[in-house]
Amino acid sequence: MERERIIEKIKKLREHSVENGCNEAEAIQFALKAQRLIADNDVEEWELADEVKQVTETATARTAKSWAPNLASVIADNFRCRVYQRRITDRKYEYVFVGWKADSEAAEIVYQNLLEVGDRLAHEYEDFAYTDPNAYSNFIVGFVDGVKGELEKQSFELMIVCPSEVSDYFESLDLGKSTRRGPRATNRDSISRGQAAGRDAVRSRRMDAPRAGLLTA
């Protein structure tokens, strides 16, 4: 009976999506809560869905941001997914999360929101840190690292690992390895501020707007 209540709660959390009226910040928090319940209680995908368990590929919006692959990789590692990039134009790529349907869709939501939040905060910091000529890039390196640290902390506690079925499916795609590199960091203060912003973005229930004092603290 207790397990049935847990499964029902997870299903209800999954229903809180952008399509069902949530903003992206709310959808992320519901996705993270559902993920935690799944891991805490070792819930299998077949217990949550009527359809047959199936590996799904969920693509993101197109972007030319050089740091997008780093962020996508961090998200995939912590949502039981694998990820690959697909070139759309000379400069734009989309990133495809491979995993169980709920995992890949949750990963795409979290990735997209963090990409937008990180970009906005980095531009704000760029105006603030006029002594750092590479303020945007340095802040972003820190931001992704902060997101990674916060998500890995949760993944370690919950012992989250990518299912073997997902890894086998991914390897069968025979995609090769990407040669794209993200920005390099050169300013410790900017990196530190970016790390704090990344951690805050994952923790915050208001990911649609930066917290007051984030850049000036």
N, C-alpha and C. Protein backbone atom coordinates (compact mmCIF):
# COMPACT_ATOMS: atom_id res chain seq x y z
N MET A 1 0.83 -1.20 0.00
CA MET A 1 0.00 0.00 0.00
C MET A 1 0.87 1.26 0.00
N GLU A 2 1.93 1.25 0.81
CA GLU A 2 2.83 2.39 0.88
C GLU A 2 3.50 2.63 -0.46
N ARG A 3 3.93 1.55 -1.13
CA ARG A 3 4.58 1.70 -2.43
C ARG A 3 3.61 2.27 -3.46
N GLU A 4 2.37 1.87 -3.39
CA GLU A 4 1.36 2.40 -4.31
C GLU A 4 1.20 3.91 -4.14
N ARG A 5 1.26 4.37 -2.88
CA ARG A 5 1.15 5.81 -2.62
C ARG A 5 2.36 6.56 -3.18
N ILE A 6 3.53 5.95 -3.03
CA ILE A 6 4.75 6.57 -3.55
C ILE A 6 4.69 6.68 -5.08
N ILE A 7 4.27 5.61 -5.73
CA ILE A 7 4.18 5.59 -7.18
C ILE A 7 3.16 6.61 -7.67
N GLU A 8 2.04 6.71 -6.96
CA GLU A 8 1.01 7.68 -7.33
C GLU A 8 1.53 9.11 -7.17
N LYS A 9 2.31 9.34 -6.12
CA LYS A 9 2.89 10.67 -5.91
C LYS A 9 3.87 11.03 -7.02
N ILE A 10 4.68 10.04 -7.43
CA ILE A 10 5.63 10.28 -8.52
C ILE A 10 4.87 10.63 -9.81
N LYS A 11 3.81 9.90 -10.08
CA LYS A 11 3.02 10.15 -11.29
C LYS A 11 2.44 11.56 -11.27
N LYS A 12 1.96 11.99 -10.10
CA LYS A 12 1.38 13.33 -10.00
C LYS A 12 2.45 14.40 -10.18
N LEU A 13 3.65 14.16 -9.64
CA LEU A 13 4.74 15.12 -9.83
C LEU A 13 5.10 15.25 -11.30
N ARG A 14 5.07 14.12 -12.01
CA ARG A 14 5.40 14.13 -13.44
C ARG A 14 4.36 14.88 -14.26
N GLU A 15 3.14 14.95 -13.76
CA GLU A 15 2.09 15.64 -14.49
C GLU A 15 2.25 17.15 -14.47
N HIS A 16 3.07 17.65 -13.53
CA HIS A 16 3.30 19.10 -13.44
C HIS A 16 4.33 19.52 -14.47
N SER A 17 3.88 19.72 -15.69
CA SER A 17 4.77 20.06 -16.80
C SER A 17 4.41 21.44 -17.35
N VAL A 18 5.26 21.94 -18.24
CA VAL A 18 4.97 23.21 -18.90
C VAL A 18 3.68 23.09 -19.70
N GLU A 19 3.51 21.94 -20.35
CA GLU A 19 2.30 21.72 -21.15
C GLU A 19 1.05 21.75 -20.30
N ASN A 20 1.19 21.41 -19.01
CA ASN A 20 0.03 21.38 -18.12
C ASN A 20 -0.09 22.63 -17.26
N GLY A 21 0.63 23.70 -17.64
CA GLY A 21 0.43 24.98 -16.97
C GLY A 21 1.53 25.47 -16.06
N CYS A 22 2.57 24.68 -15.84
CA CYS A 22 3.68 25.13 -14.98
C CYS A 22 4.64 26.01 -15.79
N ASN A 23 5.33 26.91 -15.08
CA ASN A 23 6.43 27.56 -15.76
C ASN A 23 7.63 26.62 -15.69
N GLU A 24 8.70 26.96 -16.41
CA GLU A 24 9.83 26.03 -16.49
C GLU A 24 10.49 25.80 -15.14
N ALA A 25 10.55 26.85 -14.32
CA ALA A 25 11.16 26.71 -12.99
C ALA A 25 10.41 25.70 -12.15
N GLU A 26 9.09 25.78 -12.17
CA GLU A 26 8.27 24.84 -11.41
C GLU A 26 8.41 23.43 -11.96
N ALA A 27 8.43 23.30 -13.27
CA ALA A 27 8.54 21.98 -13.89
C ALA A 27 9.84 21.30 -13.50
N ILE A 28 10.92 22.08 -13.41
CA ILE A 28 12.21 21.52 -13.01
C ILE A 28 12.15 20.99 -11.60
N GLN A 29 11.58 21.77 -10.69
CA GLN A 29 11.52 21.35 -9.29
C GLN A 29 10.68 20.08 -9.13
N PHE A 30 9.56 19.99 -9.87
CA PHE A 30 8.75 18.78 -9.80
C PHE A 30 9.51 17.58 -10.38
N ALA A 31 10.28 17.83 -11.46
CA ALA A 31 11.06 16.75 -12.07
C ALA A 31 12.13 16.26 -11.10
N LEU A 32 12.79 17.19 -10.39
CA LEU A 32 13.82 16.80 -9.43
C LEU A 32 13.23 16.03 -8.25
N LYS A 33 12.05 16.45 -7.79
CA LYS A 33 11.38 15.74 -6.69
C LYS A 33 11.02 14.32 -7.11
N ALA A 34 10.49 14.19 -8.33
CA ALA A 34 10.12 12.87 -8.82
C ALA A 34 11.35 11.98 -8.94
N GLN A 35 12.45 12.55 -9.45
CA GLN A 35 13.68 11.79 -9.61
C GLN A 35 14.18 11.29 -8.25
N ARG A 36 14.09 12.14 -7.25
CA ARG A 36 14.56 11.75 -5.92
C ARG A 36 13.71 10.61 -5.35
N LEU A 37 12.40 10.68 -5.52
CA LEU A 37 11.53 9.61 -5.03
C LEU A 37 11.80 8.30 -5.76
N ILE A 38 12.03 8.39 -7.06
CA ILE A 38 12.32 7.19 -7.85
C ILE A 38 13.59 6.52 -7.34
N ALA A 39 14.64 7.33 -7.12
CA ALA A 39 15.92 6.78 -6.68
C ALA A 39 15.85 6.29 -5.23
N ASP A 40 15.20 7.06 -4.37
CA ASP A 40 15.10 6.69 -2.95
C ASP A 40 14.39 5.35 -2.76
N ASN A 41 13.39 5.09 -3.63
CA ASN A 41 12.55 3.91 -3.45
C ASN A 41 12.78 2.83 -4.50
N ASP A 42 13.84 3.03 -5.32
CA ASP A 42 14.19 2.04 -6.34
C ASP A 42 12.98 1.68 -7.20
N VAL A 43 12.27 2.71 -7.65
CA VAL A 43 11.07 2.49 -8.46
C VAL A 43 11.47 2.22 -9.91
N GLU A 44 10.90 1.20 -10.50
CA GLU A 44 11.19 0.85 -11.88
C GLU A 44 10.28 1.62 -12.82
N GLU A 45 10.74 1.84 -14.05
CA GLU A 45 9.97 2.60 -15.03
C GLU A 45 8.63 1.92 -15.34
N TRP A 46 8.63 0.58 -15.36
CA TRP A 46 7.39 -0.11 -15.71
C TRP A 46 6.30 0.11 -14.66
N GLU A 47 6.69 0.46 -13.44
CA GLU A 47 5.71 0.73 -12.40
C GLU A 47 5.02 2.08 -12.59
N LEU A 48 5.61 2.92 -13.42
CA LEU A 48 5.11 4.28 -13.57
C LEU A 48 4.36 4.52 -14.86
N ALA A 49 4.46 3.62 -15.80
CA ALA A 49 3.85 3.87 -17.10
C ALA A 49 3.07 2.67 -17.58
N ASP A 50 2.06 2.96 -18.38
CA ASP A 50 1.24 1.90 -18.96
C ASP A 50 1.93 1.30 -20.18
N GLU A 51 2.73 2.13 -20.87
CA GLU A 51 3.37 1.64 -22.08
C GLU A 51 4.61 0.82 -21.73
N VAL A 52 5.11 0.08 -22.73
CA VAL A 52 6.31 -0.72 -22.55
C VAL A 52 7.51 0.20 -22.34
N LYS A 53 8.40 -0.17 -21.44
CA LYS A 53 9.59 0.63 -21.18
C LYS A 53 10.43 0.73 -22.45
N GLN A 54 10.81 1.95 -22.81
CA GLN A 54 11.50 2.15 -24.06
C GLN A 54 12.49 3.31 -23.96
N VAL A 55 13.66 3.12 -24.54
CA VAL A 55 14.65 4.20 -24.58
C VAL A 55 14.17 5.26 -25.57
N THR A 56 14.24 6.52 -25.15
CA THR A 56 13.73 7.63 -25.95
C THR A 56 14.81 8.66 -26.19
N GLU A 57 14.80 9.29 -27.36
CA GLU A 57 15.71 10.39 -27.68
C GLU A 57 14.93 11.70 -27.64
N THR A 58 15.35 12.62 -26.78
CA THR A 58 14.67 13.91 -26.63
C THR A 58 15.63 15.02 -27.01
N ALA A 59 15.30 15.76 -28.06
CA ALA A 59 16.19 16.80 -28.58
C ALA A 59 15.89 18.15 -27.95
N THR A 60 16.94 18.97 -27.80
CA THR A 60 16.81 20.31 -27.26
C THR A 60 16.60 21.32 -28.38
N ALA A 61 16.37 22.56 -28.00
CA ALA A 61 16.34 23.64 -28.98
C ALA A 61 17.74 23.87 -29.52
N ARG A 62 17.84 24.48 -30.68
CA ARG A 62 19.13 24.73 -31.32
C ARG A 62 19.84 25.91 -30.64
N THR A 63 21.14 25.81 -30.54
CA THR A 63 21.92 26.89 -29.95
C THR A 63 23.33 26.91 -30.53
N ALA A 64 23.94 28.10 -30.51
CA ALA A 64 25.33 28.24 -30.95
C ALA A 64 26.27 28.45 -29.77
N LYS A 65 25.75 28.38 -28.55
CA LYS A 65 26.59 28.63 -27.37
C LYS A 65 27.66 27.55 -27.23
N SER A 66 28.91 28.00 -27.11
CA SER A 66 30.03 27.06 -27.07
C SER A 66 30.05 26.23 -25.80
N TRP A 67 29.37 26.69 -24.74
CA TRP A 67 29.38 25.96 -23.48
C TRP A 67 28.19 25.01 -23.34
N ALA A 68 27.31 25.00 -24.32
CA ALA A 68 26.13 24.14 -24.26
C ALA A 68 26.47 22.65 -24.13
N PRO A 69 27.48 22.12 -24.87
CA PRO A 69 27.78 20.70 -24.73
C PRO A 69 28.27 20.33 -23.33
N ASN A 70 28.99 21.24 -22.68
CA ASN A 70 29.44 20.97 -21.31
C ASN A 70 28.26 20.85 -20.37
N LEU A 71 27.31 21.78 -20.50
CA LEU A 71 26.13 21.75 -19.64
C LEU A 71 25.29 20.50 -19.93
N ALA A 72 25.10 20.18 -21.21
CA ALA A 72 24.31 19.00 -21.57
C ALA A 72 24.92 17.73 -21.00
N SER A 73 26.24 17.62 -21.03
CA SER A 73 26.92 16.45 -20.48
C SER A 73 26.71 16.33 -18.98
N VAL A 74 26.78 17.45 -18.28
CA VAL A 74 26.56 17.46 -16.82
C VAL A 74 25.14 17.02 -16.50
N ILE A 75 24.17 17.54 -17.24
CA ILE A 75 22.77 17.18 -17.00
C ILE A 75 22.55 15.69 -17.28
N ALA A 76 23.06 15.21 -18.39
CA ALA A 76 22.87 13.79 -18.75
C ALA A 76 23.41 12.86 -17.67
N ASP A 77 24.61 13.17 -17.18
CA ASP A 77 25.25 12.32 -16.18
C ASP A 77 24.42 12.19 -14.91
N ASN A 78 23.60 13.19 -14.64
CA ASN A 78 22.85 13.20 -13.39
C ASN A 78 21.36 12.93 -13.56
N PHE A 79 20.96 12.57 -14.78
CA PHE A 79 19.57 12.21 -15.04
C PHE A 79 19.45 10.83 -15.70
N ARG A 80 20.42 9.97 -15.43
CA ARG A 80 20.40 8.60 -15.95
C ARG A 80 20.32 8.57 -17.47
N CYS A 81 20.99 9.52 -18.12
CA CYS A 81 20.94 9.63 -19.58
C CYS A 81 22.33 9.63 -20.18
N ARG A 82 22.37 9.48 -21.49
CA ARG A 82 23.56 9.80 -22.29
C ARG A 82 23.12 10.92 -23.23
N VAL A 83 24.08 11.61 -23.82
CA VAL A 83 23.71 12.73 -24.70
C VAL A 83 24.68 12.81 -25.87
N TYR A 84 24.17 13.22 -27.02
CA TYR A 84 25.02 13.49 -28.16
C TYR A 84 24.56 14.79 -28.83
N GLN A 85 25.46 15.38 -29.61
CA GLN A 85 25.13 16.63 -30.29
C GLN A 85 24.89 16.37 -31.76
N ARG A 86 24.01 17.19 -32.33
CA ARG A 86 23.67 17.05 -33.75
C ARG A 86 23.82 18.42 -34.41
N ARG A 87 24.67 18.49 -35.41
CA ARG A 87 24.90 19.77 -36.11
C ARG A 87 23.68 20.12 -36.96
N ILE A 88 23.21 21.35 -36.82
CA ILE A 88 22.07 21.81 -37.60
C ILE A 88 22.53 22.77 -38.69
N THR A 89 23.40 23.72 -38.33
CA THR A 89 24.01 24.63 -39.29
C THR A 89 25.51 24.67 -38.97
N ASP A 90 26.25 25.57 -39.61
CA ASP A 90 27.68 25.67 -39.35
C ASP A 90 27.96 26.01 -37.89
N ARG A 91 27.07 26.76 -37.25
CA ARG A 91 27.32 27.19 -35.88
C ARG A 91 26.33 26.61 -34.86
N LYS A 92 25.17 26.21 -35.31
CA LYS A 92 24.15 25.78 -34.36
C LYS A 92 24.06 24.25 -34.23
N TYR A 93 23.86 23.84 -32.98
CA TYR A 93 23.71 22.42 -32.67
C TYR A 93 22.48 22.22 -31.80
N GLU A 94 21.96 21.00 -31.82
CA GLU A 94 20.98 20.59 -30.83
C GLU A 94 21.57 19.39 -30.09
N TYR A 95 21.11 19.18 -28.88
CA TYR A 95 21.65 18.11 -28.04
C TYR A 95 20.52 17.12 -27.77
N VAL A 96 20.84 15.84 -27.91
CA VAL A 96 19.82 14.80 -27.81
C VAL A 96 20.09 13.94 -26.59
N PHE A 97 19.17 13.98 -25.63
CA PHE A 97 19.28 13.17 -24.43
C PHE A 97 18.68 11.80 -24.70
N VAL A 98 19.44 10.77 -24.36
CA VAL A 98 19.01 9.38 -24.57
C VAL A 98 18.79 8.74 -23.22
N GLY A 99 17.56 8.25 -22.99
CA GLY A 99 17.25 7.63 -21.70
C GLY A 99 15.80 7.18 -21.67
N TRP A 100 15.37 6.64 -20.53
CA TRP A 100 13.95 6.35 -20.39
C TRP A 100 13.18 7.65 -20.60
N LYS A 101 11.97 7.57 -21.11
CA LYS A 101 11.22 8.75 -21.55
C LYS A 101 11.18 9.84 -20.47
N ALA A 102 10.82 9.49 -19.24
CA ALA A 102 10.71 10.49 -18.18
C ALA A 102 12.05 11.14 -17.88
N ASP A 103 13.12 10.34 -17.92
CA ASP A 103 14.45 10.87 -17.62
C ASP A 103 14.93 11.82 -18.71
N SER A 104 14.78 11.43 -19.98
CA SER A 104 15.28 12.26 -21.07
C SER A 104 14.49 13.56 -21.18
N GLU A 105 13.18 13.49 -20.93
CA GLU A 105 12.36 14.70 -20.98
C GLU A 105 12.69 15.64 -19.82
N ALA A 106 12.89 15.07 -18.64
CA ALA A 106 13.27 15.90 -17.49
C ALA A 106 14.63 16.54 -17.72
N ALA A 107 15.57 15.79 -18.29
CA ALA A 107 16.91 16.31 -18.56
C ALA A 107 16.84 17.49 -19.54
N GLU A 108 16.00 17.37 -20.56
CA GLU A 108 15.87 18.45 -21.55
C GLU A 108 15.30 19.71 -20.90
N ILE A 109 14.32 19.56 -20.03
CA ILE A 109 13.72 20.72 -19.35
C ILE A 109 14.75 21.43 -18.49
N VAL A 110 15.48 20.65 -17.70
CA VAL A 110 16.48 21.24 -16.79
C VAL A 110 17.60 21.89 -17.60
N TYR A 111 18.08 21.22 -18.64
CA TYR A 111 19.14 21.77 -19.49
C TYR A 111 18.72 23.11 -20.07
N GLN A 112 17.53 23.15 -20.69
CA GLN A 112 17.10 24.36 -21.39
C GLN A 112 16.98 25.54 -20.43
N ASN A 113 16.41 25.28 -19.25
CA ASN A 113 16.24 26.36 -18.29
C ASN A 113 17.58 26.86 -17.77
N LEU A 114 18.49 25.94 -17.46
CA LEU A 114 19.81 26.34 -16.95
C LEU A 114 20.63 27.05 -18.03
N LEU A 115 20.45 26.66 -19.28
CA LEU A 115 21.14 27.34 -20.37
C LEU A 115 20.72 28.81 -20.43
N GLU A 116 19.42 29.04 -20.31
CA GLU A 116 18.90 30.41 -20.37
C GLU A 116 19.29 31.21 -19.13
N VAL A 117 19.20 30.58 -17.96
CA VAL A 117 19.56 31.27 -16.72
C VAL A 117 21.04 31.63 -16.72
N GLY A 118 21.90 30.66 -17.09
CA GLY A 118 23.33 30.90 -17.12
C GLY A 118 23.70 32.02 -18.08
N ASP A 119 23.10 32.02 -19.26
CA ASP A 119 23.39 33.04 -20.26
C ASP A 119 22.98 34.42 -19.74
N ARG A 120 21.80 34.52 -19.15
CA ARG A 120 21.33 35.81 -18.64
C ARG A 120 22.21 36.33 -17.51
N LEU A 121 22.54 35.47 -16.56
CA LEU A 121 23.36 35.89 -15.43
C LEU A 121 24.78 36.24 -15.86
N ALA A 122 25.31 35.52 -16.85
CA ALA A 122 26.66 35.81 -17.33
C ALA A 122 26.71 37.18 -18.01
N HIS A 123 25.67 37.52 -18.76
CA HIS A 123 25.63 38.84 -19.39
C HIS A 123 25.49 39.94 -18.33
N GLU A 124 24.70 39.68 -17.30
CA GLU A 124 24.57 40.64 -16.21
C GLU A 124 25.92 40.83 -15.51
N TYR A 125 26.61 39.72 -15.30
CA TYR A 125 27.92 39.80 -14.64
C TYR A 125 28.94 40.52 -15.52
N GLU A 126 28.83 40.33 -16.81
CA GLU A 126 29.73 40.98 -17.76
C GLU A 126 29.67 42.50 -17.61
N ASP A 127 28.48 43.02 -17.39
CA ASP A 127 28.33 44.46 -17.18
C ASP A 127 28.88 44.88 -15.82
N PHE A 128 28.78 43.98 -14.86
CA PHE A 128 29.21 44.27 -13.50
C PHE A 128 30.74 44.20 -13.36
N ALA A 129 31.36 43.20 -13.98
CA ALA A 129 32.80 42.95 -13.84
C ALA A 129 33.57 43.58 -14.98
N TYR A 130 33.62 44.91 -15.02
CA TYR A 130 34.25 45.62 -16.14
C TYR A 130 35.77 45.46 -16.16
N THR A 131 36.37 44.96 -15.07
CA THR A 131 37.83 44.77 -15.04
C THR A 131 38.25 43.42 -15.63
N ASP A 132 37.28 42.55 -15.90
CA ASP A 132 37.58 41.23 -16.47
C ASP A 132 37.15 41.21 -17.93
N PRO A 133 38.08 41.25 -18.88
CA PRO A 133 37.73 41.28 -20.30
C PRO A 133 37.05 40.00 -20.79
N ASN A 134 37.19 38.91 -20.05
CA ASN A 134 36.55 37.63 -20.42
C ASN A 134 35.52 37.23 -19.37
N ALA A 135 34.83 38.23 -18.84
CA ALA A 135 33.90 37.99 -17.73
C ALA A 135 32.83 36.95 -18.06
N TYR A 136 32.25 37.04 -19.25
CA TYR A 136 31.18 36.09 -19.62
C TYR A 136 31.69 34.66 -19.59
N SER A 137 32.80 34.41 -20.29
CA SER A 137 33.34 33.05 -20.38
C SER A 137 33.76 32.51 -19.02
N ASN A 138 34.42 33.35 -18.23
CA ASN A 138 34.88 32.91 -16.91
C ASN A 138 33.70 32.60 -16.00
N PHE A 139 32.69 33.45 -16.03
CA PHE A 139 31.50 33.22 -15.21
C PHE A 139 30.82 31.92 -15.62
N ILE A 140 30.71 31.69 -16.93
CA ILE A 140 30.03 30.49 -17.44
C ILE A 140 30.77 29.22 -17.04
N VAL A 141 32.10 29.24 -17.10
CA VAL A 141 32.87 28.07 -16.67
C VAL A 141 32.55 27.74 -15.22
N GLY A 142 32.49 28.77 -14.39
CA GLY A 142 32.13 28.56 -13.00
C GLY A 142 30.69 28.11 -12.83
N PHE A 143 29.79 28.68 -13.62
CA PHE A 143 28.37 28.34 -13.53
C PHE A 143 28.14 26.85 -13.80
N VAL A 144 28.73 26.35 -14.87
CA VAL A 144 28.57 24.93 -15.21
C VAL A 144 29.18 24.06 -14.11
N ASP A 145 30.32 24.48 -13.59
CA ASP A 145 30.96 23.72 -12.51
C ASP A 145 30.09 23.72 -11.25
N GLY A 146 29.45 24.84 -10.96
CA GLY A 146 28.56 24.91 -9.81
C GLY A 146 27.35 24.00 -9.97
N VAL A 147 26.77 24.00 -11.17
CA VAL A 147 25.64 23.10 -11.47
C VAL A 147 26.08 21.65 -11.31
N LYS A 148 27.25 21.33 -11.84
CA LYS A 148 27.77 19.97 -11.77
C LYS A 148 27.94 19.52 -10.32
N GLY A 149 28.55 20.36 -9.50
CA GLY A 149 28.79 19.99 -8.11
C GLY A 149 27.51 19.74 -7.35
N GLU A 150 26.52 20.60 -7.59
CA GLU A 150 25.25 20.47 -6.86
C GLU A 150 24.49 19.22 -7.29
N LEU A 151 24.45 18.96 -8.59
CA LEU A 151 23.73 17.78 -9.08
C LEU A 151 24.47 16.49 -8.71
N GLU A 152 25.80 16.51 -8.76
CA GLU A 152 26.56 15.30 -8.40
C GLU A 152 26.39 14.95 -6.93
N LYS A 153 26.21 15.96 -6.11
CA LYS A 153 25.97 15.71 -4.69
C LYS A 153 24.70 14.88 -4.51
N GLN A 154 23.65 15.27 -5.23
CA GLN A 154 22.40 14.53 -5.16
C GLN A 154 22.54 13.14 -5.76
N SER A 155 23.23 13.05 -6.90
CA SER A 155 23.39 11.76 -7.57
C SER A 155 24.18 10.78 -6.72
N PHE A 156 25.20 11.29 -6.02
CA PHE A 156 26.00 10.43 -5.15
C PHE A 156 25.16 9.91 -3.99
N GLU A 157 24.35 10.79 -3.40
CA GLU A 157 23.51 10.38 -2.28
C GLU A 157 22.48 9.33 -2.70
N LEU A 158 21.98 9.48 -3.94
CA LEU A 158 20.93 8.58 -4.41
C LEU A 158 21.48 7.41 -5.23
N MET A 159 22.80 7.39 -5.44
CA MET A 159 23.45 6.34 -6.22
C MET A 159 22.83 6.21 -7.61
N ILE A 160 22.66 7.35 -8.27
CA ILE A 160 22.06 7.38 -9.60
C ILE A 160 23.08 6.92 -10.64
N VAL A 161 22.70 5.94 -11.44
CA VAL A 161 23.56 5.45 -12.51
C VAL A 161 22.73 5.30 -13.78
N CYS A 162 23.39 5.40 -14.91
CA CYS A 162 22.69 5.23 -16.19
C CYS A 162 22.35 3.76 -16.39
N PRO A 163 21.09 3.42 -16.69
CA PRO A 163 20.71 2.01 -16.91
C PRO A 163 21.50 1.38 -18.04
N SER A 164 21.81 0.11 -17.90
CA SER A 164 22.59 -0.58 -18.93
C SER A 164 21.88 -0.58 -20.27
N GLU A 165 20.54 -0.66 -20.26
CA GLU A 165 19.79 -0.64 -21.52
C GLU A 165 20.01 0.66 -22.27
N VAL A 166 20.07 1.77 -21.52
CA VAL A 166 20.29 3.08 -22.13
C VAL A 166 21.70 3.16 -22.71
N SER A 167 22.69 2.71 -21.95
CA SER A 167 24.07 2.74 -22.42
C SER A 167 24.25 1.86 -23.66
N ASP A 168 23.62 0.68 -23.65
CA ASP A 168 23.72 -0.22 -24.81
C ASP A 168 23.11 0.42 -26.06
N TYR A 169 21.94 1.07 -25.87
CA TYR A 169 21.28 1.75 -26.99
C TYR A 169 22.17 2.85 -27.53
N PHE A 170 22.75 3.63 -26.62
CA PHE A 170 23.61 4.75 -27.01
C PHE A 170 24.83 4.25 -27.78
N GLU A 171 25.46 3.20 -27.27
CA GLU A 171 26.65 2.68 -27.94
C GLU A 171 26.32 2.14 -29.33
N SER A 172 25.12 1.62 -29.49
CA SER A 172 24.71 1.07 -30.78
C SER A 172 24.57 2.16 -31.85
N LEU A 173 24.44 3.42 -31.41
CA LEU A 173 24.32 4.53 -32.36
C LEU A 173 25.64 4.82 -33.07
N ASP A 174 26.75 4.39 -32.46
CA ASP A 174 28.09 4.53 -33.07
C ASP A 174 28.32 5.96 -33.55
N LEU A 175 28.26 6.90 -32.61
CA LEU A 175 28.30 8.32 -32.95
C LEU A 175 29.70 8.90 -33.05
N GLY A 176 30.68 8.25 -32.47
CA GLY A 176 32.02 8.82 -32.44
C GLY A 176 32.12 9.84 -31.32
N LYS A 177 33.21 10.58 -31.27
CA LYS A 177 33.42 11.55 -30.21
C LYS A 177 33.44 12.97 -30.75
N SER A 178 32.92 13.88 -29.92
CA SER A 178 32.90 15.29 -30.30
C SER A 178 34.27 15.93 -30.07
N THR A 179 34.62 16.86 -30.94
CA THR A 179 35.89 17.58 -30.78
C THR A 179 35.66 19.03 -30.32
N ARG A 180 34.41 19.41 -30.08
CA ARG A 180 34.12 20.78 -29.63
C ARG A 180 34.60 20.98 -28.21
N ARG A 181 35.15 22.15 -27.96
CA ARG A 181 35.62 22.49 -26.62
C ARG A 181 34.90 23.73 -26.12
N GLY A 182 34.60 23.74 -24.84
CA GLY A 182 33.95 24.88 -24.25
C GLY A 182 34.94 25.99 -23.94
N PRO A 183 34.46 27.11 -23.38
CA PRO A 183 35.35 28.22 -23.05
C PRO A 183 36.35 27.86 -21.96
N ARG A 184 37.49 28.54 -21.97
CA ARG A 184 38.51 28.33 -20.94
C ARG A 184 38.45 29.45 -19.92
N ALA A 185 38.77 29.12 -18.67
CA ALA A 185 38.67 30.10 -17.60
C ALA A 185 40.02 30.76 -17.33
N THR A 186 39.97 32.07 -16.96
CA THR A 186 41.22 32.79 -16.70
C THR A 186 41.14 33.70 -15.47
N ASN A 187 39.96 33.81 -14.84
CA ASN A 187 39.81 34.74 -13.73
C ASN A 187 39.11 34.04 -12.56
N ARG A 188 39.82 33.86 -11.46
CA ARG A 188 39.29 33.08 -10.34
C ARG A 188 38.06 33.71 -9.70
N ASP A 189 38.05 35.04 -9.58
CA ASP A 189 36.91 35.69 -8.96
C ASP A 189 35.65 35.50 -9.78
N SER A 190 35.77 35.66 -11.10
CA SER A 190 34.62 35.46 -11.98
C SER A 190 34.15 34.01 -11.94
N ILE A 191 35.08 33.07 -11.90
CA ILE A 191 34.74 31.65 -11.81
C ILE A 191 33.99 31.36 -10.52
N SER A 192 34.49 31.92 -9.41
CA SER A 192 33.88 31.70 -8.11
C SER A 192 32.45 32.22 -8.08
N ARG A 193 32.23 33.40 -8.65
CA ARG A 193 30.88 33.95 -8.69
C ARG A 193 29.96 33.10 -9.57
N GLY A 194 30.52 32.60 -10.67
CA GLY A 194 29.73 31.71 -11.52
C GLY A 194 29.37 30.42 -10.82
N GLN A 195 30.30 29.86 -10.05
CA GLN A 195 30.02 28.62 -9.30
C GLN A 195 28.87 28.84 -8.31
N ALA A 196 28.92 29.95 -7.61
CA ALA A 196 27.86 30.25 -6.64
C ALA A 196 26.51 30.39 -7.35
N ALA A 197 26.52 31.04 -8.51
CA ALA A 197 25.28 31.20 -9.27
C ALA A 197 24.76 29.86 -9.77
N GLY A 198 25.66 28.96 -10.20
CA GLY A 198 25.25 27.64 -10.67
C GLY A 198 24.63 26.82 -9.56
N ARG A 199 25.27 26.84 -8.39
CA ARG A 199 24.70 26.11 -7.25
C ARG A 199 23.34 26.68 -6.87
N ASP A 200 23.24 28.00 -6.88
CA ASP A 200 21.99 28.65 -6.52
C ASP A 200 20.89 28.33 -7.51
N ALA A 201 21.24 28.24 -8.80
CA ALA A 201 20.25 27.96 -9.83
C ALA A 201 19.63 26.58 -9.65
N VAL A 202 20.45 25.61 -9.23
CA VAL A 202 19.93 24.26 -9.01
C VAL A 202 19.09 24.20 -7.74
N ARG A 203 19.53 24.91 -6.70
CA ARG A 203 18.82 24.88 -5.42
C ARG A 203 17.53 25.67 -5.44
N SER A 204 17.53 26.75 -6.21
CA SER A 204 16.44 27.72 -6.14
C SER A 204 15.14 27.18 -6.70
N ARG A 205 14.04 27.60 -6.10
CA ARG A 205 12.72 27.28 -6.63
C ARG A 205 12.25 28.38 -7.58
N ARG A 206 13.10 29.40 -7.78
CA ARG A 206 12.74 30.50 -8.67
C ARG A 206 13.81 30.63 -9.75
N MET A 207 13.93 29.60 -10.57
CA MET A 207 14.96 29.59 -11.59
C MET A 207 14.62 30.51 -12.77
N ASP A 208 13.40 31.06 -12.75
CA ASP A 208 13.03 31.96 -13.85
C ASP A 208 13.57 33.37 -13.63
N ALA A 209 14.17 33.62 -12.47
CA ALA A 209 14.73 34.95 -12.19
C ALA A 209 15.88 34.82 -11.22
N PRO A 210 16.96 35.61 -11.39
CA PRO A 210 18.09 35.54 -10.46
C PRO A 210 17.69 36.06 -9.10
N ARG A 211 18.31 35.53 -8.06
CA ARG A 211 18.04 36.00 -6.71
C ARG A 211 18.64 37.37 -6.50
N ALA A 212 17.99 38.18 -5.69
CA ALA A 212 18.47 39.52 -5.40
C ALA A 212 19.85 39.45 -4.77
N GLY A 213 20.76 40.32 -5.22
CA GLY A 213 22.08 40.39 -4.63
C GLY A 213 23.04 39.32 -5.12
N LEU A 214 22.65 38.53 -6.11
CA LEU A 214 23.49 37.42 -6.57
C LEU A 214 24.84 37.92 -7.10
N LEU A 215 24.81 39.02 -7.83
CA LEU A 215 26.02 39.49 -8.47
C LEU A 215 26.80 40.48 -7.60
N THR A 216 26.16 41.06 -6.63
CA THR A 216 26.81 42.10 -5.86
C THR A 216 27.21 41.66 -4.46
N ALA A 217 26.88 40.42 -4.09
CA ALA A 217 27.19 39.96 -2.74
C ALA A 217 28.69 39.84 -2.55
